[in-house]
Amino acid sequence: MAVDQVTKALAQLRLADGRSRTVIRGILSLRLVRNPGASLGLGAGHTWIISLLAAAACIIFIVLAIRTTSYRWTIVLSLALAGAAGNLTDRIAYAGGFLDGAVVDFLDYGWSIGNIADIFLTLAGVAVVVMILAEVPFREGSPAPGPATGKRPDGGGTGAEGDAAA
């Protein structure tokens, strides 16, 4: 979260003139924008709801990080928490009313403008999908969730054992 907040502070200092600065032509430029909405500006009229959802997400990420015994899951959940908390910090710090502040965005990809917190959230989201598909266990020493384990969610077998014994 610190990297996100430092880069946002620098963006506000260096990009306050409103001009865009090309970093990689056609791929990335720097331009300061304040986004009251969610991704791609969606929900801009409901900033306080987005803020409450972000606060809830932060709490959920903390609870999940405490409950996991997996180093990999801890890293991914921490990355997600850093992203959600970074943008929530903006919504609180720059609010004129109840949780109605705008997020500081400055990384202009041409089709979207974001920030470091958004990168953290995207990476965490991709990592969660990959870890679920790879059946990385949430708790070390426990079987990975999913159909490949042959286990029912209640911890029992596949159900065939009970049928054969009857």
N, C-alpha and C. Protein backbone atom coordinates (compact mmCIF):
# COMPACT_ATOMS: atom_id res chain seq x y z
N MET A 1 0.82 -1.18 0.00
CA MET A 1 0.00 0.00 0.00
C MET A 1 0.87 1.25 0.00
N ALA A 2 2.02 1.18 0.64
CA ALA A 2 2.90 2.35 0.69
C ALA A 2 3.36 2.77 -0.70
N VAL A 3 3.72 1.78 -1.53
CA VAL A 3 4.16 2.09 -2.90
C VAL A 3 3.04 2.79 -3.65
N ASP A 4 1.82 2.31 -3.48
CA ASP A 4 0.67 2.91 -4.14
C ASP A 4 0.48 4.36 -3.70
N GLN A 5 0.52 4.60 -2.41
CA GLN A 5 0.28 5.96 -1.91
C GLN A 5 1.41 6.92 -2.29
N VAL A 6 2.65 6.44 -2.29
CA VAL A 6 3.78 7.29 -2.70
C VAL A 6 3.67 7.65 -4.18
N THR A 7 3.34 6.67 -5.03
CA THR A 7 3.22 6.96 -6.46
C THR A 7 2.05 7.91 -6.74
N LYS A 8 0.98 7.78 -5.98
CA LYS A 8 -0.16 8.69 -6.14
C LYS A 8 0.22 10.11 -5.72
N ALA A 9 0.97 10.23 -4.64
CA ALA A 9 1.42 11.56 -4.19
C ALA A 9 2.33 12.19 -5.24
N LEU A 10 3.23 11.39 -5.79
CA LEU A 10 4.12 11.90 -6.85
C LEU A 10 3.32 12.31 -8.09
N ALA A 11 2.33 11.52 -8.44
CA ALA A 11 1.50 11.85 -9.60
C ALA A 11 0.78 13.17 -9.38
N GLN A 12 0.27 13.39 -8.18
CA GLN A 12 -0.43 14.63 -7.89
C GLN A 12 0.51 15.83 -7.95
N LEU A 13 1.76 15.64 -7.56
CA LEU A 13 2.75 16.72 -7.62
C LEU A 13 3.22 16.99 -9.05
N ARG A 14 3.54 15.93 -9.77
CA ARG A 14 4.17 16.07 -11.08
C ARG A 14 3.20 16.20 -12.25
N LEU A 15 1.96 15.77 -12.06
CA LEU A 15 1.00 15.77 -13.18
C LEU A 15 -0.15 16.75 -12.97
N ALA A 16 -0.02 17.62 -12.00
CA ALA A 16 -1.10 18.56 -11.66
C ALA A 16 -1.42 19.54 -12.79
N ASP A 17 -0.50 19.72 -13.73
CA ASP A 17 -0.74 20.67 -14.83
C ASP A 17 -1.73 20.14 -15.86
N GLY A 18 -2.16 18.88 -15.74
CA GLY A 18 -3.16 18.32 -16.64
C GLY A 18 -2.61 17.74 -17.93
N ARG A 19 -1.30 17.90 -18.16
CA ARG A 19 -0.72 17.35 -19.39
C ARG A 19 -0.44 15.86 -19.24
N SER A 20 -0.45 15.18 -20.36
CA SER A 20 -0.11 13.77 -20.42
C SER A 20 1.36 13.63 -20.79
N ARG A 21 2.03 12.67 -20.17
CA ARG A 21 3.45 12.43 -20.45
C ARG A 21 3.62 11.00 -20.94
N THR A 22 4.12 10.85 -22.15
CA THR A 22 4.29 9.53 -22.76
C THR A 22 5.46 8.80 -22.10
N VAL A 23 5.21 7.55 -21.72
CA VAL A 23 6.26 6.69 -21.17
C VAL A 23 6.69 5.70 -22.25
N ILE A 24 5.73 4.97 -22.80
CA ILE A 24 5.95 4.04 -23.90
C ILE A 24 4.89 4.35 -24.95
N ARG A 25 5.31 4.90 -26.07
CA ARG A 25 4.37 5.37 -27.10
C ARG A 25 3.37 4.28 -27.47
N GLY A 26 2.09 4.63 -27.38
CA GLY A 26 1.02 3.72 -27.76
C GLY A 26 0.68 2.69 -26.70
N ILE A 27 1.42 2.66 -25.60
CA ILE A 27 1.18 1.65 -24.57
C ILE A 27 0.88 2.27 -23.21
N LEU A 28 1.71 3.24 -22.81
CA LEU A 28 1.57 3.80 -21.47
C LEU A 28 1.97 5.26 -21.45
N SER A 29 1.09 6.06 -20.86
CA SER A 29 1.43 7.46 -20.58
C SER A 29 0.96 7.78 -19.17
N LEU A 30 1.39 8.91 -18.67
CA LEU A 30 1.02 9.34 -17.32
C LEU A 30 0.09 10.54 -17.44
N ARG A 31 -1.06 10.44 -16.79
CA ARG A 31 -2.05 11.52 -16.83
C ARG A 31 -2.88 11.43 -15.56
N LEU A 32 -2.98 12.53 -14.83
CA LEU A 32 -3.70 12.56 -13.57
C LEU A 32 -5.21 12.65 -13.78
N VAL A 33 -5.93 11.71 -13.16
CA VAL A 33 -7.39 11.67 -13.22
C VAL A 33 -7.88 11.28 -11.83
N ARG A 34 -8.98 11.86 -11.43
CA ARG A 34 -9.61 11.47 -10.16
C ARG A 34 -10.89 10.71 -10.50
N ASN A 35 -10.93 9.45 -10.11
CA ASN A 35 -12.02 8.55 -10.48
C ASN A 35 -12.93 8.31 -9.28
N PRO A 36 -14.16 8.83 -9.30
CA PRO A 36 -15.09 8.59 -8.19
C PRO A 36 -15.75 7.21 -8.27
N GLY A 37 -15.62 6.54 -9.41
CA GLY A 37 -16.27 5.25 -9.60
C GLY A 37 -15.35 4.08 -9.33
N ALA A 38 -15.79 2.93 -9.80
CA ALA A 38 -15.00 1.71 -9.69
C ALA A 38 -14.19 1.57 -10.98
N SER A 39 -13.87 0.37 -11.36
CA SER A 39 -13.12 0.12 -12.57
C SER A 39 -13.79 0.75 -13.78
N LEU A 40 -13.01 1.43 -14.59
CA LEU A 40 -13.49 2.11 -15.79
C LEU A 40 -14.54 3.17 -15.49
N GLY A 41 -14.54 3.68 -14.25
CA GLY A 41 -15.46 4.74 -13.87
C GLY A 41 -16.88 4.30 -13.59
N LEU A 42 -17.13 2.99 -13.58
CA LEU A 42 -18.48 2.48 -13.33
C LEU A 42 -18.94 2.85 -11.93
N GLY A 43 -20.18 3.21 -11.78
CA GLY A 43 -20.75 3.50 -10.47
C GLY A 43 -20.31 4.83 -9.89
N ALA A 44 -19.90 5.77 -10.71
CA ALA A 44 -19.39 7.06 -10.23
C ALA A 44 -20.41 7.80 -9.36
N GLY A 45 -21.67 7.57 -9.56
CA GLY A 45 -22.69 8.23 -8.76
C GLY A 45 -22.97 7.56 -7.44
N HIS A 46 -22.31 6.44 -7.20
CA HIS A 46 -22.53 5.66 -5.97
C HIS A 46 -21.21 5.38 -5.25
N THR A 47 -20.40 6.41 -5.13
CA THR A 47 -19.07 6.26 -4.55
C THR A 47 -19.11 5.70 -3.14
N TRP A 48 -20.07 6.11 -2.34
CA TRP A 48 -20.11 5.64 -0.95
C TRP A 48 -20.38 4.14 -0.88
N ILE A 49 -21.16 3.61 -1.82
CA ILE A 49 -21.41 2.17 -1.86
C ILE A 49 -20.12 1.43 -2.24
N ILE A 50 -19.41 1.96 -3.23
CA ILE A 50 -18.13 1.36 -3.63
C ILE A 50 -17.16 1.38 -2.46
N SER A 51 -17.16 2.47 -1.69
CA SER A 51 -16.29 2.59 -0.52
C SER A 51 -16.64 1.55 0.54
N LEU A 52 -17.92 1.36 0.80
CA LEU A 52 -18.34 0.36 1.78
C LEU A 52 -17.98 -1.05 1.32
N LEU A 53 -18.14 -1.32 0.02
CA LEU A 53 -17.75 -2.63 -0.51
C LEU A 53 -16.24 -2.84 -0.41
N ALA A 54 -15.47 -1.78 -0.65
CA ALA A 54 -14.02 -1.88 -0.52
C ALA A 54 -13.61 -2.14 0.93
N ALA A 55 -14.29 -1.49 1.88
CA ALA A 55 -14.00 -1.72 3.30
C ALA A 55 -14.33 -3.17 3.67
N ALA A 56 -15.47 -3.67 3.18
CA ALA A 56 -15.85 -5.06 3.44
C ALA A 56 -14.82 -6.02 2.83
N ALA A 57 -14.37 -5.71 1.62
CA ALA A 57 -13.36 -6.55 0.97
C ALA A 57 -12.08 -6.58 1.79
N CYS A 58 -11.67 -5.45 2.32
CA CYS A 58 -10.45 -5.40 3.16
C CYS A 58 -10.60 -6.30 4.37
N ILE A 59 -11.76 -6.25 5.01
CA ILE A 59 -12.01 -7.09 6.19
C ILE A 59 -11.97 -8.57 5.79
N ILE A 60 -12.60 -8.90 4.69
CA ILE A 60 -12.61 -10.30 4.22
C ILE A 60 -11.19 -10.77 3.91
N PHE A 61 -10.39 -9.94 3.24
CA PHE A 61 -9.01 -10.32 2.92
C PHE A 61 -8.20 -10.55 4.19
N ILE A 62 -8.42 -9.73 5.21
CA ILE A 62 -7.70 -9.90 6.49
C ILE A 62 -8.11 -11.21 7.15
N VAL A 63 -9.41 -11.48 7.21
CA VAL A 63 -9.90 -12.72 7.83
C VAL A 63 -9.35 -13.95 7.08
N LEU A 64 -9.40 -13.92 5.76
CA LEU A 64 -8.89 -15.05 4.98
C LEU A 64 -7.39 -15.22 5.17
N ALA A 65 -6.66 -14.12 5.23
CA ALA A 65 -5.21 -14.21 5.42
C ALA A 65 -4.87 -14.80 6.79
N ILE A 66 -5.68 -14.49 7.78
CA ILE A 66 -5.46 -15.06 9.12
C ILE A 66 -5.78 -16.54 9.12
N ARG A 67 -6.78 -16.95 8.37
CA ARG A 67 -7.23 -18.35 8.37
C ARG A 67 -6.37 -19.29 7.53
N THR A 68 -5.68 -18.77 6.53
CA THR A 68 -4.89 -19.65 5.68
C THR A 68 -3.58 -20.03 6.37
N THR A 69 -3.10 -21.20 6.03
CA THR A 69 -1.77 -21.62 6.49
C THR A 69 -0.82 -21.73 5.31
N SER A 70 -1.31 -21.32 4.15
CA SER A 70 -0.52 -21.39 2.92
C SER A 70 0.23 -20.08 2.71
N TYR A 71 1.51 -20.17 2.52
CA TYR A 71 2.33 -19.00 2.25
C TYR A 71 1.88 -18.33 0.95
N ARG A 72 1.58 -19.12 -0.07
CA ARG A 72 1.16 -18.57 -1.37
C ARG A 72 -0.17 -17.82 -1.26
N TRP A 73 -1.13 -18.39 -0.54
CA TRP A 73 -2.40 -17.71 -0.36
C TRP A 73 -2.23 -16.44 0.47
N THR A 74 -1.35 -16.49 1.46
CA THR A 74 -1.09 -15.29 2.27
C THR A 74 -0.55 -14.16 1.42
N ILE A 75 0.38 -14.46 0.52
CA ILE A 75 0.95 -13.45 -0.37
C ILE A 75 -0.14 -12.86 -1.28
N VAL A 76 -0.94 -13.70 -1.88
CA VAL A 76 -1.98 -13.24 -2.80
C VAL A 76 -3.04 -12.41 -2.06
N LEU A 77 -3.46 -12.86 -0.90
CA LEU A 77 -4.45 -12.10 -0.13
C LEU A 77 -3.87 -10.77 0.35
N SER A 78 -2.59 -10.75 0.68
CA SER A 78 -1.94 -9.50 1.08
C SER A 78 -1.88 -8.52 -0.08
N LEU A 79 -1.61 -9.03 -1.26
CA LEU A 79 -1.58 -8.19 -2.45
C LEU A 79 -2.97 -7.59 -2.72
N ALA A 80 -4.00 -8.42 -2.59
CA ALA A 80 -5.37 -7.94 -2.77
C ALA A 80 -5.73 -6.90 -1.71
N LEU A 81 -5.33 -7.15 -0.47
CA LEU A 81 -5.59 -6.20 0.61
C LEU A 81 -4.89 -4.87 0.35
N ALA A 82 -3.65 -4.92 -0.09
CA ALA A 82 -2.90 -3.69 -0.37
C ALA A 82 -3.60 -2.88 -1.47
N GLY A 83 -4.09 -3.54 -2.49
CA GLY A 83 -4.79 -2.85 -3.56
C GLY A 83 -6.10 -2.24 -3.10
N ALA A 84 -6.91 -3.03 -2.41
CA ALA A 84 -8.20 -2.53 -1.94
C ALA A 84 -8.02 -1.41 -0.92
N ALA A 85 -7.07 -1.58 -0.02
CA ALA A 85 -6.83 -0.56 1.01
C ALA A 85 -6.25 0.72 0.40
N GLY A 86 -5.42 0.58 -0.62
CA GLY A 86 -4.85 1.75 -1.27
C GLY A 86 -5.91 2.63 -1.90
N ASN A 87 -6.85 2.03 -2.60
CA ASN A 87 -7.93 2.81 -3.21
C ASN A 87 -8.94 3.29 -2.18
N LEU A 88 -9.19 2.50 -1.14
CA LEU A 88 -10.09 2.92 -0.08
C LEU A 88 -9.51 4.13 0.67
N THR A 89 -8.20 4.14 0.85
CA THR A 89 -7.54 5.27 1.50
C THR A 89 -7.82 6.56 0.73
N ASP A 90 -7.76 6.51 -0.59
CA ASP A 90 -8.08 7.69 -1.41
C ASP A 90 -9.53 8.12 -1.20
N ARG A 91 -10.43 7.17 -1.20
CA ARG A 91 -11.85 7.49 -1.07
C ARG A 91 -12.14 8.15 0.28
N ILE A 92 -11.37 7.80 1.30
CA ILE A 92 -11.55 8.42 2.62
C ILE A 92 -10.80 9.75 2.68
N ALA A 93 -9.56 9.77 2.23
CA ALA A 93 -8.71 10.96 2.34
C ALA A 93 -9.22 12.13 1.50
N TYR A 94 -9.80 11.85 0.36
CA TYR A 94 -10.24 12.91 -0.55
C TYR A 94 -11.75 13.08 -0.56
N ALA A 95 -12.41 12.66 0.50
CA ALA A 95 -13.87 12.74 0.57
C ALA A 95 -14.32 14.12 1.02
N GLY A 96 -15.36 14.60 0.38
CA GLY A 96 -15.99 15.85 0.80
C GLY A 96 -17.18 15.56 1.70
N GLY A 97 -17.72 14.36 1.54
CA GLY A 97 -18.86 13.89 2.33
C GLY A 97 -18.59 12.47 2.79
N PHE A 98 -19.65 11.72 3.03
CA PHE A 98 -19.51 10.35 3.52
C PHE A 98 -18.94 9.43 2.45
N LEU A 99 -17.67 9.08 2.58
CA LEU A 99 -16.99 8.13 1.70
C LEU A 99 -17.18 8.43 0.21
N ASP A 100 -17.19 9.70 -0.15
CA ASP A 100 -17.42 10.06 -1.54
C ASP A 100 -16.16 10.56 -2.26
N GLY A 101 -15.00 10.24 -1.73
CA GLY A 101 -13.76 10.67 -2.36
C GLY A 101 -13.44 9.90 -3.62
N ALA A 102 -12.61 10.50 -4.44
CA ALA A 102 -12.22 9.89 -5.71
C ALA A 102 -10.83 9.28 -5.60
N VAL A 103 -10.62 8.22 -6.33
CA VAL A 103 -9.33 7.53 -6.38
C VAL A 103 -8.40 8.28 -7.34
N VAL A 104 -7.15 8.38 -6.96
CA VAL A 104 -6.15 9.02 -7.80
C VAL A 104 -5.64 7.99 -8.81
N ASP A 105 -5.89 8.22 -10.09
CA ASP A 105 -5.41 7.35 -11.17
C ASP A 105 -4.44 8.15 -12.02
N PHE A 106 -3.41 7.46 -12.54
CA PHE A 106 -2.41 8.18 -13.33
C PHE A 106 -1.72 7.33 -14.40
N LEU A 107 -1.96 6.04 -14.42
CA LEU A 107 -1.36 5.16 -15.43
C LEU A 107 -2.35 5.01 -16.57
N ASP A 108 -2.09 5.70 -17.68
CA ASP A 108 -3.01 5.73 -18.81
C ASP A 108 -2.57 4.71 -19.85
N TYR A 109 -3.39 3.65 -19.98
CA TYR A 109 -3.10 2.58 -20.94
C TYR A 109 -3.75 2.82 -22.29
N GLY A 110 -4.45 3.92 -22.43
CA GLY A 110 -5.15 4.23 -23.67
C GLY A 110 -6.60 3.82 -23.62
N TRP A 111 -6.92 2.70 -23.03
CA TRP A 111 -8.29 2.21 -22.91
C TRP A 111 -8.79 2.30 -21.47
N SER A 112 -7.86 2.54 -20.53
CA SER A 112 -8.19 2.61 -19.12
C SER A 112 -7.09 3.41 -18.41
N ILE A 113 -7.47 4.05 -17.31
CA ILE A 113 -6.49 4.75 -16.49
C ILE A 113 -6.58 4.17 -15.09
N GLY A 114 -5.44 3.79 -14.53
CA GLY A 114 -5.43 3.16 -13.21
C GLY A 114 -4.28 3.64 -12.36
N ASN A 115 -3.94 2.82 -11.39
CA ASN A 115 -2.86 3.13 -10.46
C ASN A 115 -2.22 1.84 -9.98
N ILE A 116 -1.27 1.94 -9.08
CA ILE A 116 -0.56 0.76 -8.58
C ILE A 116 -1.51 -0.16 -7.82
N ALA A 117 -2.44 0.39 -7.06
CA ALA A 117 -3.42 -0.44 -6.34
C ALA A 117 -4.22 -1.30 -7.31
N ASP A 118 -4.57 -0.73 -8.45
CA ASP A 118 -5.30 -1.50 -9.46
C ASP A 118 -4.46 -2.65 -10.01
N ILE A 119 -3.16 -2.40 -10.17
CA ILE A 119 -2.26 -3.47 -10.62
C ILE A 119 -2.21 -4.57 -9.58
N PHE A 120 -2.11 -4.20 -8.30
CA PHE A 120 -2.11 -5.19 -7.22
C PHE A 120 -3.39 -6.03 -7.26
N LEU A 121 -4.53 -5.37 -7.41
CA LEU A 121 -5.81 -6.09 -7.43
C LEU A 121 -5.91 -7.02 -8.63
N THR A 122 -5.45 -6.57 -9.78
CA THR A 122 -5.48 -7.40 -10.98
C THR A 122 -4.58 -8.61 -10.83
N LEU A 123 -3.37 -8.39 -10.36
CA LEU A 123 -2.44 -9.51 -10.15
C LEU A 123 -3.00 -10.51 -9.14
N ALA A 124 -3.59 -10.00 -8.07
CA ALA A 124 -4.17 -10.89 -7.06
C ALA A 124 -5.33 -11.68 -7.65
N GLY A 125 -6.17 -11.03 -8.43
CA GLY A 125 -7.30 -11.73 -9.05
C GLY A 125 -6.85 -12.84 -9.98
N VAL A 126 -5.86 -12.55 -10.80
CA VAL A 126 -5.31 -13.57 -11.71
C VAL A 126 -4.69 -14.71 -10.89
N ALA A 127 -3.95 -14.36 -9.86
CA ALA A 127 -3.30 -15.38 -9.02
C ALA A 127 -4.32 -16.27 -8.33
N VAL A 128 -5.42 -15.70 -7.86
CA VAL A 128 -6.47 -16.50 -7.22
C VAL A 128 -7.03 -17.52 -8.21
N VAL A 129 -7.32 -17.08 -9.42
CA VAL A 129 -7.85 -17.99 -10.44
C VAL A 129 -6.85 -19.10 -10.74
N VAL A 130 -5.60 -18.74 -10.92
CA VAL A 130 -4.56 -19.73 -11.22
C VAL A 130 -4.40 -20.71 -10.06
N MET A 131 -4.41 -20.21 -8.83
CA MET A 131 -4.23 -21.10 -7.68
C MET A 131 -5.43 -22.03 -7.49
N ILE A 132 -6.62 -21.54 -7.78
CA ILE A 132 -7.80 -22.41 -7.70
C ILE A 132 -7.72 -23.49 -8.78
N LEU A 133 -7.38 -23.10 -10.00
CA LEU A 133 -7.26 -24.08 -11.09
C LEU A 133 -6.14 -25.08 -10.82
N ALA A 134 -5.06 -24.61 -10.18
CA ALA A 134 -3.93 -25.50 -9.85
C ALA A 134 -4.18 -26.28 -8.56
N GLU A 135 -5.35 -26.03 -7.94
CA GLU A 135 -5.74 -26.71 -6.70
C GLU A 135 -4.71 -26.52 -5.58
N VAL A 136 -4.23 -25.30 -5.44
CA VAL A 136 -3.32 -24.97 -4.34
C VAL A 136 -4.16 -24.94 -3.06
N PRO A 137 -3.80 -25.76 -2.07
CA PRO A 137 -4.62 -25.81 -0.85
C PRO A 137 -4.57 -24.49 -0.07
N PHE A 138 -5.70 -24.13 0.50
CA PHE A 138 -5.80 -22.92 1.31
C PHE A 138 -5.11 -23.13 2.65
N ARG A 139 -5.12 -24.36 3.11
CA ARG A 139 -4.42 -24.74 4.34
C ARG A 139 -3.43 -25.84 3.99
N GLU A 140 -2.19 -25.66 4.37
CA GLU A 140 -1.16 -26.66 4.11
C GLU A 140 -1.53 -27.96 4.82
N GLY A 141 -1.28 -29.07 4.15
CA GLY A 141 -1.57 -30.37 4.75
C GLY A 141 -3.00 -30.84 4.52
N SER A 142 -3.85 -29.99 3.95
CA SER A 142 -5.21 -30.40 3.66
C SER A 142 -5.32 -30.66 2.16
N PRO A 143 -6.24 -31.51 1.77
CA PRO A 143 -6.39 -31.74 0.33
C PRO A 143 -6.87 -30.47 -0.36
N ALA A 144 -6.42 -30.31 -1.56
CA ALA A 144 -6.83 -29.14 -2.34
C ALA A 144 -8.31 -29.24 -2.67
N PRO A 145 -9.01 -28.12 -2.71
CA PRO A 145 -10.43 -28.16 -3.06
C PRO A 145 -10.60 -28.49 -4.53
N GLY A 146 -11.71 -29.04 -4.86
CA GLY A 146 -11.99 -29.27 -6.27
C GLY A 146 -12.32 -30.70 -6.58
N PRO A 147 -12.73 -30.95 -7.81
CA PRO A 147 -13.20 -32.27 -8.21
C PRO A 147 -12.09 -33.31 -8.28
N ALA A 148 -10.85 -32.91 -8.45
CA ALA A 148 -9.76 -33.88 -8.61
C ALA A 148 -9.48 -34.64 -7.33
N THR A 149 -9.88 -34.12 -6.17
CA THR A 149 -9.59 -34.79 -4.91
C THR A 149 -10.50 -35.98 -4.67
N GLY A 150 -11.67 -35.99 -5.30
CA GLY A 150 -12.60 -37.09 -5.08
C GLY A 150 -13.27 -37.03 -3.73
N LYS A 151 -13.13 -35.93 -3.03
CA LYS A 151 -13.70 -35.79 -1.69
C LYS A 151 -14.94 -34.91 -1.74
N ARG A 152 -15.89 -35.26 -0.89
CA ARG A 152 -17.05 -34.40 -0.73
C ARG A 152 -16.67 -33.22 0.15
N PRO A 153 -17.38 -32.10 0.04
CA PRO A 153 -17.08 -30.93 0.87
C PRO A 153 -17.17 -31.22 2.36
N ASP A 154 -17.98 -32.26 2.75
CA ASP A 154 -18.11 -32.57 4.18
C ASP A 154 -16.97 -33.43 4.71
N GLY A 155 -15.98 -33.72 3.84
CA GLY A 155 -14.82 -34.50 4.26
C GLY A 155 -14.95 -35.97 4.01
N GLY A 156 -16.11 -36.42 3.58
CA GLY A 156 -16.33 -37.83 3.30
C GLY A 156 -15.72 -38.24 1.99
N GLY A 157 -15.91 -39.48 1.63
CA GLY A 157 -15.38 -40.00 0.37
C GLY A 157 -16.22 -39.55 -0.80
N THR A 158 -16.06 -40.25 -1.90
CA THR A 158 -16.78 -39.89 -3.12
C THR A 158 -18.25 -40.30 -3.07
N GLY A 159 -18.58 -41.11 -2.13
CA GLY A 159 -19.95 -41.60 -2.02
C GLY A 159 -20.07 -43.01 -2.53
N ALA A 160 -19.15 -43.48 -3.34
CA ALA A 160 -19.20 -44.83 -3.88
C ALA A 160 -18.95 -45.87 -2.78
N GLU A 161 -18.09 -45.52 -1.79
CA GLU A 161 -17.78 -46.48 -0.73
C GLU A 161 -19.03 -46.86 0.04
N GLY A 162 -19.84 -45.85 0.37
CA GLY A 162 -21.07 -46.10 1.13
C GLY A 162 -22.05 -46.95 0.35
N ASP A 163 -22.12 -46.72 -0.95
CA ASP A 163 -23.05 -47.47 -1.77
C ASP A 163 -22.62 -48.93 -1.88
N ALA A 164 -21.33 -49.18 -1.97
CA ALA A 164 -20.83 -50.54 -2.10
C ALA A 164 -21.03 -51.32 -0.82
N ALA A 165 -20.93 -50.64 0.32
CA ALA A 165 -21.05 -51.33 1.61
C ALA A 165 -22.50 -51.67 1.92
N ALA A 166 -23.44 -50.98 1.36
CA ALA A 166 -24.85 -51.19 1.68
C ALA A 166 -25.40 -52.37 1.04
